[in-house]
Amino acid sequence: MTWKISAEMDPATKAKMDAAQQKMNDPDTQAQMKEMKEKMNDPEFKKMMEANPQLKAQMDQMMKMSEGGGDMASYMPKAFVVRIKNQDVLTHMEGGIMGNIDMLYLANKNTTYKINREAKTYSAMTGTDTMKVKDVKITKTSETAKILNYTCTKYTAESTQQGHTIHQIFWATTEIKGLDMKSLSRHSMGNNQRMFYEKMDGVPLKIELKDPKFGMTMEVSEIKKQSLPASDFVLPKDYKAE
């Protein structure tokens, strides 16, 4: 399942992003980035980076951003890909600052792992609920829409986090057999997001986030049933645990 992602922001936030982009494009900043890139080719510096793969991955990401002309839009993901085999789930963000991070849920361990492909590391995800069921208000509407030829029902969601109200819209379908988001969402959608799926029926094919300063839309662009290699759903043997 592949989701396309688009984002929009209010004028004030966009102005801040534009200012940060201009700073990245500043000749002095570009000169510093060039100097850092040359330093990264130094044998001694390479050894230091190899000893700290997480820092190396961060540095590599910064270099990629600077080579992209400092375009702040490059920090945003373009797509979100979900692969499912039995009850195991692998998710990957295409593009953006998280483009080198995958999330792997292994059902037999009931554990989600964050996999850093560039640093060649992985770590088990842990955490506690920060939102209670009563903090999430889900309303099922009578409005419907067609997405990828599936009939979807509109749900509105309102939640409060740290005193800030967040509005979301979910377009969910019950026409995809064999896919249960109520169980699959427990793996990596986060404890807060889980609350949304447990209160609605079907699989969301479109999610709209409404915030005074930022808006984002995720819409499924492709659903494909195919055989997936088992090797995609294991922790790489040559990766180190963080």
C-alpha atoms as a PDB file:
ATOM      1  CA  MET A   1       0.000   0.000   0.000  1.00  0.00           C
ATOM      2  CA  THR A   2       1.459   3.361  -1.062  1.00  0.00           C
ATOM      3  CA  TRP A   3       0.334   6.716   0.300  1.00  0.00           C
ATOM      4  CA  LYS A   4       1.055  10.047  -1.363  1.00  0.00           C
ATOM      5  CA  ILE A   5       1.769  12.893   1.056  1.00  0.00           C
ATOM      6  CA  SER A   6       1.158  16.589   0.559  1.00  0.00           C
ATOM      7  CA  ALA A   7       1.537  19.397   3.081  1.00  0.00           C
ATOM      8  CA  GLU A   8       0.605  23.033   3.440  1.00  0.00           C
ATOM      9  CA  MET A   9       1.343  25.623   6.104  1.00  0.00           C
ATOM     10  CA  ASP A  10       0.161  29.022   7.250  1.00  0.00           C
ATOM     11  CA  PRO A  11       1.939  32.172   5.918  1.00  0.00           C
ATOM     12  CA  ALA A  12       3.891  32.776   9.149  1.00  0.00           C
ATOM     13  CA  THR A  13       5.267  29.235   9.294  1.00  0.00           C
ATOM     14  CA  LYS A  14       6.019  29.304   5.577  1.00  0.00           C
ATOM     15  CA  ALA A  15       7.908  32.575   6.059  1.00  0.00           C
ATOM     16  CA  LYS A  16      10.081  30.932   8.707  1.00  0.00           C
ATOM     17  CA  MET A  17      10.741  27.994   6.377  1.00  0.00           C
ATOM     18  CA  ASP A  18      11.613  30.367   3.542  1.00  0.00           C
ATOM     19  CA  ALA A  19      14.010  32.254   5.824  1.00  0.00           C
ATOM     20  CA  ALA A  20      15.702  28.986   6.802  1.00  0.00           C
ATOM     21  CA  GLN A  21      15.954  28.072   3.122  1.00  0.00           C
ATOM     22  CA  GLN A  22      17.551  31.417   2.295  1.00  0.00           C
ATOM     23  CA  LYS A  23      20.062  30.897   5.085  1.00  0.00           C
ATOM     24  CA  MET A  24      20.913  27.470   3.674  1.00  0.00           C
ATOM     25  CA  ASN A  25      21.445  29.051   0.252  1.00  0.00           C
ATOM     26  CA  ASP A  26      23.637  31.795   1.707  1.00  0.00           C
ATOM     27  CA  PRO A  27      27.164  31.686   0.199  1.00  0.00           C
ATOM     28  CA  ASP A  28      28.755  31.532   3.659  1.00  0.00           C
ATOM     29  CA  THR A  29      26.584  28.588   4.669  1.00  0.00           C
ATOM     30  CA  GLN A  30      27.262  26.809   1.388  1.00  0.00           C
ATOM     31  CA  ALA A  31      31.001  27.402   1.891  1.00  0.00           C
ATOM     32  CA  GLN A  32      30.790  25.852   5.355  1.00  0.00           C
ATOM     33  CA  MET A  33      28.901  22.853   4.000  1.00  0.00           C
ATOM     34  CA  LYS A  34      31.486  22.449   1.231  1.00  0.00           C
ATOM     35  CA  GLU A  35      34.284  22.574   3.795  1.00  0.00           C
ATOM     36  CA  MET A  36      32.499  19.957   5.911  1.00  0.00           C
ATOM     37  CA  LYS A  37      32.025  17.728   2.870  1.00  0.00           C
ATOM     38  CA  GLU A  38      35.731  17.910   2.082  1.00  0.00           C
ATOM     39  CA  LYS A  39      36.530  17.139   5.700  1.00  0.00           C
ATOM     40  CA  MET A  40      34.336  14.053   5.553  1.00  0.00           C
ATOM     41  CA  ASN A  41      36.659  12.679   2.863  1.00  0.00           C
ATOM     42  CA  ASP A  42      39.626  12.909   5.226  1.00  0.00           C
ATOM     43  CA  PRO A  43      40.748   9.373   6.250  1.00  0.00           C
ATOM     44  CA  GLU A  44      40.939  10.218   9.962  1.00  0.00           C
ATOM     45  CA  PHE A  45      37.523  11.868   9.906  1.00  0.00           C
ATOM     46  CA  LYS A  46      36.095   8.838   8.088  1.00  0.00           C
ATOM     47  CA  LYS A  47      37.396   6.559  10.835  1.00  0.00           C
ATOM     48  CA  MET A  48      35.707   8.721  13.447  1.00  0.00           C
ATOM     49  CA  MET A  49      32.434   8.630  11.523  1.00  0.00           C
ATOM     50  CA  GLU A  50      32.608   4.863  11.107  1.00  0.00           C
ATOM     51  CA  ALA A  51      32.922   4.570  14.868  1.00  0.00           C
ATOM     52  CA  ASN A  52      29.699   6.538  15.233  1.00  0.00           C
ATOM     53  CA  PRO A  53      27.285   5.359  12.496  1.00  0.00           C
ATOM     54  CA  GLN A  54      24.359   7.374  13.856  1.00  0.00           C
ATOM     55  CA  LEU A  55      26.301  10.644  13.643  1.00  0.00           C
ATOM     56  CA  LYS A  56      27.535   9.680  10.179  1.00  0.00           C
ATOM     57  CA  ALA A  57      23.954   9.133   9.015  1.00  0.00           C
ATOM     58  CA  GLN A  58      22.973  12.568  10.316  1.00  0.00           C
ATOM     59  CA  MET A  59      25.931  14.197   8.570  1.00  0.00           C
ATOM     60  CA  ASP A  60      25.126  12.412   5.325  1.00  0.00           C
ATOM     61  CA  GLN A  61      21.537  13.620   5.570  1.00  0.00           C
ATOM     62  CA  MET A  62      22.709  17.214   6.017  1.00  0.00           C
ATOM     63  CA  MET A  63      24.932  16.904   2.974  1.00  0.00           C
ATOM     64  CA  LYS A  64      22.048  15.615   0.894  1.00  0.00           C
ATOM     65  CA  MET A  65      19.860  18.504   1.970  1.00  0.00           C
ATOM     66  CA  SER A  66      22.537  21.063   1.098  1.00  0.00           C
ATOM     67  CA  GLU A  67      23.170  19.447  -2.282  1.00  0.00           C
ATOM     68  CA  GLY A  68      19.451  19.773  -2.962  1.00  0.00           C
ATOM     69  CA  GLY A  69      19.874  23.532  -2.982  1.00  0.00           C
ATOM     70  CA  GLY A  70      18.637  23.948   0.547  1.00  0.00           C
ATOM     71  CA  ASP A  71      15.035  23.433  -0.568  1.00  0.00           C
ATOM     72  CA  MET A  72      13.102  23.082   2.693  1.00  0.00           C
ATOM     73  CA  ALA A  73      10.435  21.102   0.833  1.00  0.00           C
ATOM     74  CA  SER A  74      13.004  18.314   0.591  1.00  0.00           C
ATOM     75  CA  TYR A  75      12.638  17.824   4.339  1.00  0.00           C
ATOM     76  CA  MET A  76       9.060  16.625   3.812  1.00  0.00           C
ATOM     77  CA  PRO A  77       8.331  13.022   2.774  1.00  0.00           C
ATOM     78  CA  LYS A  78       6.717  12.415  -0.593  1.00  0.00           C
ATOM     79  CA  ALA A  79       5.186   9.017   0.049  1.00  0.00           C
ATOM     80  CA  PHE A  80       4.611   6.408   2.746  1.00  0.00           C
ATOM     81  CA  VAL A  81       4.826   2.719   1.809  1.00  0.00           C
ATOM     82  CA  VAL A  82       3.321  -0.085   3.917  1.00  0.00           C
ATOM     83  CA  ARG A  83       4.184  -3.727   3.199  1.00  0.00           C
ATOM     84  CA  ILE A  84       2.341  -6.519   5.011  1.00  0.00           C
ATOM     85  CA  LYS A  85       3.177 -10.223   5.133  1.00  0.00           C
ATOM     86  CA  ASN A  86       0.985 -12.313   7.426  1.00  0.00           C
ATOM     87  CA  GLN A  87       0.969 -10.138  10.574  1.00  0.00           C
ATOM     88  CA  ASP A  88       4.409  -8.583  10.055  1.00  0.00           C
ATOM     89  CA  VAL A  89       4.496  -5.006   8.795  1.00  0.00           C
ATOM     90  CA  LEU A  90       7.292  -2.967   7.194  1.00  0.00           C
ATOM     91  CA  THR A  91       6.812   0.757   6.660  1.00  0.00           C
ATOM     92  CA  HIS A  92       9.068   3.111   4.711  1.00  0.00           C
ATOM     93  CA  MET A  93       8.970   6.877   4.249  1.00  0.00           C
ATOM     94  CA  GLU A  94      10.091   7.985   0.785  1.00  0.00           C
ATOM     95  CA  GLY A  95      12.044  11.218   0.753  1.00  0.00           C
ATOM     96  CA  GLY A  96      12.376  13.792   3.480  1.00  0.00           C
ATOM     97  CA  ILE A  97      14.487  13.830   6.588  1.00  0.00           C
ATOM     98  CA  MET A  98      13.188  10.390   7.641  1.00  0.00           C
ATOM     99  CA  GLY A  99      13.840   8.771   4.269  1.00  0.00           C
ATOM    100  CA  ASN A 100      16.527   6.463   5.661  1.00  0.00           C
ATOM    101  CA  ILE A 101      14.347   5.158   8.520  1.00  0.00           C
ATOM    102  CA  ASP A 102      12.112   2.075   8.284  1.00  0.00           C
ATOM    103  CA  MET A 103       9.768   0.669  10.902  1.00  0.00           C
ATOM    104  CA  LEU A 104       9.458  -3.119  11.205  1.00  0.00           C
ATOM    105  CA  TYR A 105       6.795  -4.810  13.325  1.00  0.00           C
ATOM    106  CA  LEU A 106       7.428  -8.492  14.096  1.00  0.00           C
ATOM    107  CA  ALA A 107       4.261 -10.205  15.280  1.00  0.00           C
ATOM    108  CA  ASN A 108       6.024 -13.143  16.946  1.00  0.00           C
ATOM    109  CA  LYS A 109       7.835 -10.671  19.223  1.00  0.00           C
ATOM    110  CA  ASN A 110       4.995  -8.146  19.365  1.00  0.00           C
ATOM    111  CA  THR A 111       7.702  -5.522  18.949  1.00  0.00           C
ATOM    112  CA  THR A 112       8.345  -2.649  16.549  1.00  0.00           C
ATOM    113  CA  TYR A 113      11.910  -1.846  15.510  1.00  0.00           C
ATOM    114  CA  LYS A 114      13.278   1.376  14.057  1.00  0.00           C
ATOM    115  CA  ILE A 115      15.802   0.539  11.327  1.00  0.00           C
ATOM    116  CA  ASN A 116      18.303   3.132  10.168  1.00  0.00           C
ATOM    117  CA  ARG A 117      19.404   2.005   6.706  1.00  0.00           C
ATOM    118  CA  GLU A 118      22.274   4.494   6.382  1.00  0.00           C
ATOM    119  CA  ALA A 119      23.714   3.950   9.855  1.00  0.00           C
ATOM    120  CA  LYS A 120      23.010   0.198   9.644  1.00  0.00           C
ATOM    121  CA  THR A 121      21.516   0.162  13.124  1.00  0.00           C
ATOM    122  CA  TYR A 122      18.209  -0.860  14.702  1.00  0.00           C
ATOM    123  CA  SER A 123      16.455  -0.322  18.010  1.00  0.00           C
ATOM    124  CA  ALA A 124      13.291  -1.606  19.654  1.00  0.00           C
ATOM    125  CA  MET A 125      10.599   1.019  20.041  1.00  0.00           C
ATOM    126  CA  THR A 126       9.223   1.564  23.522  1.00  0.00           C
ATOM    127  CA  GLY A 127       6.831   4.068  24.987  1.00  0.00           C
ATOM    128  CA  THR A 128       3.681   4.633  26.963  1.00  0.00           C
ATOM    129  CA  ASP A 129       0.285   6.007  26.110  1.00  0.00           C
ATOM    130  CA  THR A 130       0.239   9.787  26.234  1.00  0.00           C
ATOM    131  CA  MET A 131      -3.389  10.037  25.242  1.00  0.00           C
ATOM    132  CA  LYS A 132      -6.434   8.467  26.867  1.00  0.00           C
ATOM    133  CA  VAL A 133      -9.457   7.145  24.990  1.00  0.00           C
ATOM    134  CA  LYS A 134     -11.606   9.942  26.400  1.00  0.00           C
ATOM    135  CA  ASP A 135      -9.263  12.485  24.792  1.00  0.00           C
ATOM    136  CA  VAL A 136     -10.195  11.268  21.306  1.00  0.00           C
ATOM    137  CA  LYS A 137     -13.600  12.092  19.852  1.00  0.00           C
ATOM    138  CA  ILE A 138     -14.482  10.154  16.685  1.00  0.00           C
ATOM    139  CA  THR A 139     -17.638  11.010  14.756  1.00  0.00           C
ATOM    140  CA  LYS A 140     -18.933   8.851  11.907  1.00  0.00           C
ATOM    141  CA  THR A 141     -20.691  10.870   9.222  1.00  0.00           C
ATOM    142  CA  SER A 142     -23.043   9.887   6.416  1.00  0.00           C
ATOM    143  CA  GLU A 143     -20.732  11.411   3.802  1.00  0.00           C
ATOM    144  CA  THR A 144     -19.012   9.024   1.395  1.00  0.00           C
ATOM    145  CA  ALA A 145     -16.455   9.272  -1.395  1.00  0.00           C
ATOM    146  CA  LYS A 146     -14.755   6.966  -3.887  1.00  0.00           C
ATOM    147  CA  ILE A 147     -11.007   6.431  -3.507  1.00  0.00           C
ATOM    148  CA  LEU A 148      -9.340   3.914  -5.843  1.00  0.00           C
ATOM    149  CA  ASN A 149     -12.880   2.749  -6.620  1.00  0.00           C
ATOM    150  CA  TYR A 150     -13.508   1.834  -2.970  1.00  0.00           C
ATOM    151  CA  THR A 151     -16.440   3.463  -1.196  1.00  0.00           C
ATOM    152  CA  CYS A 152     -15.133   5.330   1.839  1.00  0.00           C
ATOM    153  CA  THR A 153     -17.033   6.759   4.789  1.00  0.00           C
ATOM    154  CA  LYS A 154     -15.944  10.023   6.345  1.00  0.00           C
ATOM    155  CA  TYR A 155     -14.957  10.109  10.028  1.00  0.00           C
ATOM    156  CA  THR A 156     -13.980  13.270  11.866  1.00  0.00           C
ATOM    157  CA  ALA A 157     -11.538  13.084  14.762  1.00  0.00           C
ATOM    158  CA  GLU A 158     -10.779  15.614  17.430  1.00  0.00           C
ATOM    159  CA  SER A 159      -8.021  15.135  19.979  1.00  0.00           C
ATOM    160  CA  THR A 160      -6.173  17.235  22.503  1.00  0.00           C
ATOM    161  CA  GLN A 161      -2.436  17.008  23.056  1.00  0.00           C
ATOM    162  CA  GLN A 162      -0.633  19.287  25.482  1.00  0.00           C
ATOM    163  CA  GLY A 163      -3.616  21.622  25.512  1.00  0.00           C
ATOM    164  CA  HIS A 164      -3.675  21.909  21.722  1.00  0.00           C
ATOM    165  CA  THR A 165      -6.698  20.682  19.730  1.00  0.00           C
ATOM    166  CA  ILE A 166      -5.991  18.693  16.566  1.00  0.00           C
ATOM    167  CA  HIS A 167      -8.613  17.970  13.913  1.00  0.00           C
ATOM    168  CA  GLN A 168      -8.336  15.067  11.489  1.00  0.00           C
ATOM    169  CA  ILE A 169     -10.537  13.595   8.796  1.00  0.00           C
ATOM    170  CA  PHE A 170     -10.422   9.895   7.927  1.00  0.00           C
ATOM    171  CA  TRP A 171     -11.957   8.347   4.814  1.00  0.00           C
ATOM    172  CA  ALA A 172     -12.245   4.626   5.586  1.00  0.00           C
ATOM    173  CA  THR A 173     -13.487   1.667   3.562  1.00  0.00           C
ATOM    174  CA  THR A 174     -14.692  -1.770   4.641  1.00  0.00           C
ATOM    175  CA  GLU A 175     -14.406  -3.157   1.109  1.00  0.00           C
ATOM    176  CA  ILE A 176     -10.814  -4.409   1.408  1.00  0.00           C
ATOM    177  CA  LYS A 177     -11.072  -7.930   2.765  1.00  0.00           C
ATOM    178  CA  GLY A 178      -8.371  -9.412   4.960  1.00  0.00           C
ATOM    179  CA  LEU A 179      -6.932  -6.079   6.115  1.00  0.00           C
ATOM    180  CA  ASP A 180      -7.644  -5.147   9.720  1.00  0.00           C
ATOM    181  CA  MET A 181      -6.262  -1.751  10.675  1.00  0.00           C
ATOM    182  CA  LYS A 182      -7.468  -2.147  14.258  1.00  0.00           C
ATOM    183  CA  SER A 183      -4.875  -4.855  14.844  1.00  0.00           C
ATOM    184  CA  LEU A 184      -2.174  -3.712  12.435  1.00  0.00           C
ATOM    185  CA  SER A 185      -2.216  -0.131  13.726  1.00  0.00           C
ATOM    186  CA  ARG A 186      -0.884  -1.321  17.067  1.00  0.00           C
ATOM    187  CA  HIS A 187       2.562  -1.932  15.603  1.00  0.00           C
ATOM    188  CA  SER A 188       3.915   1.441  14.525  1.00  0.00           C
ATOM    189  CA  MET A 189       1.195   4.005  14.145  1.00  0.00           C
ATOM    190  CA  GLY A 190       1.913   5.082  17.706  1.00  0.00           C
ATOM    191  CA  ASN A 191      -0.245   4.766  20.780  1.00  0.00           C
ATOM    192  CA  ASN A 192      -2.075   8.021  20.031  1.00  0.00           C
ATOM    193  CA  GLN A 193      -2.912   7.094  16.435  1.00  0.00           C
ATOM    194  CA  ARG A 194      -4.083   3.674  17.584  1.00  0.00           C
ATOM    195  CA  MET A 195      -6.957   5.302  19.427  1.00  0.00           C
ATOM    196  CA  PHE A 196      -8.317   6.642  16.131  1.00  0.00           C
ATOM    197  CA  TYR A 197      -8.361   3.269  14.357  1.00  0.00           C
ATOM    198  CA  GLU A 198      -9.917   1.442  17.290  1.00  0.00           C
ATOM    199  CA  LYS A 199     -12.931   3.747  17.074  1.00  0.00           C
ATOM    200  CA  MET A 200     -13.673   3.376  13.352  1.00  0.00           C
ATOM    201  CA  ASP A 201     -14.444   0.558  10.938  1.00  0.00           C
ATOM    202  CA  GLY A 202     -12.366  -0.327   7.908  1.00  0.00           C
ATOM    203  CA  VAL A 203      -9.123   0.886   6.407  1.00  0.00           C
ATOM    204  CA  PRO A 204      -8.475   4.635   6.039  1.00  0.00           C
ATOM    205  CA  LEU A 205      -7.508   5.432   2.436  1.00  0.00           C
ATOM    206  CA  LYS A 206      -7.222   9.159   3.045  1.00  0.00           C
ATOM    207  CA  ILE A 207      -6.217  11.093   6.157  1.00  0.00           C
ATOM    208  CA  GLU A 208      -6.380  14.873   6.433  1.00  0.00           C
ATOM    209  CA  LEU A 209      -4.700  16.711   9.301  1.00  0.00           C
ATOM    210  CA  LYS A 210      -6.118  20.139  10.069  1.00  0.00           C
ATOM    211  CA  ASP A 211      -4.024  22.419  12.274  1.00  0.00           C
ATOM    212  CA  PRO A 212      -3.955  26.243  12.483  1.00  0.00           C
ATOM    213  CA  LYS A 213      -0.304  26.308  11.422  1.00  0.00           C
ATOM    214  CA  PHE A 214       0.089  23.154   9.383  1.00  0.00           C
ATOM    215  CA  GLY A 215      -1.979  20.849   7.218  1.00  0.00           C
ATOM    216  CA  MET A 216      -1.119  17.461   5.727  1.00  0.00           C
ATOM    217  CA  THR A 217      -2.966  14.991   3.525  1.00  0.00           C
ATOM    218  CA  MET A 218      -2.114  11.309   3.072  1.00  0.00           C
ATOM    219  CA  GLU A 219      -4.002   9.467   0.345  1.00  0.00           C
ATOM    220  CA  VAL A 220      -3.506   5.910  -0.854  1.00  0.00           C
ATOM    221  CA  SER A 221      -2.384   5.914  -4.475  1.00  0.00           C
ATOM    222  CA  GLU A 222      -1.835   2.176  -4.913  1.00  0.00           C
ATOM    223  CA  ILE A 223      -2.898  -1.083  -3.291  1.00  0.00           C
ATOM    224  CA  LYS A 224      -1.138  -4.121  -4.692  1.00  0.00           C
ATOM    225  CA  LYS A 225      -1.434  -7.767  -3.680  1.00  0.00           C
ATOM    226  CA  GLN A 226       1.792  -9.632  -4.404  1.00  0.00           C
ATOM    227  CA  SER A 227       4.267 -12.102  -2.954  1.00  0.00           C
ATOM    228  CA  LEU A 228       6.817 -10.418  -0.680  1.00  0.00           C
ATOM    229  CA  PRO A 229      10.170 -11.981   0.256  1.00  0.00           C
ATOM    230  CA  ALA A 230      10.474 -13.144   3.854  1.00  0.00           C
ATOM    231  CA  SER A 231      13.901 -11.475   3.980  1.00  0.00           C
ATOM    232  CA  ASP A 232      12.167  -8.072   4.025  1.00  0.00           C
ATOM    233  CA  PHE A 233      10.648  -8.889   7.399  1.00  0.00           C
ATOM    234  CA  VAL A 234      13.717  -9.719   9.465  1.00  0.00           C
ATOM    235  CA  LEU A 235      16.297  -7.573  11.209  1.00  0.00           C
ATOM    236  CA  PRO A 236      19.419  -7.341   8.981  1.00  0.00           C
ATOM    237  CA  LYS A 237      22.166  -9.525  10.452  1.00  0.00           C
ATOM    238  CA  ASP A 238      24.908  -7.027   9.661  1.00  0.00           C
ATOM    239  CA  TYR A 239      23.133  -4.170  11.489  1.00  0.00           C
ATOM    240  CA  LYS A 240      24.080  -3.197  15.045  1.00  0.00           C
ATOM    241  CA  ALA A 241      21.620  -2.774  17.897  1.00  0.00           C
ATOM    242  CA  GLU A 242      21.561   0.750  19.308  1.00  0.00           C
END
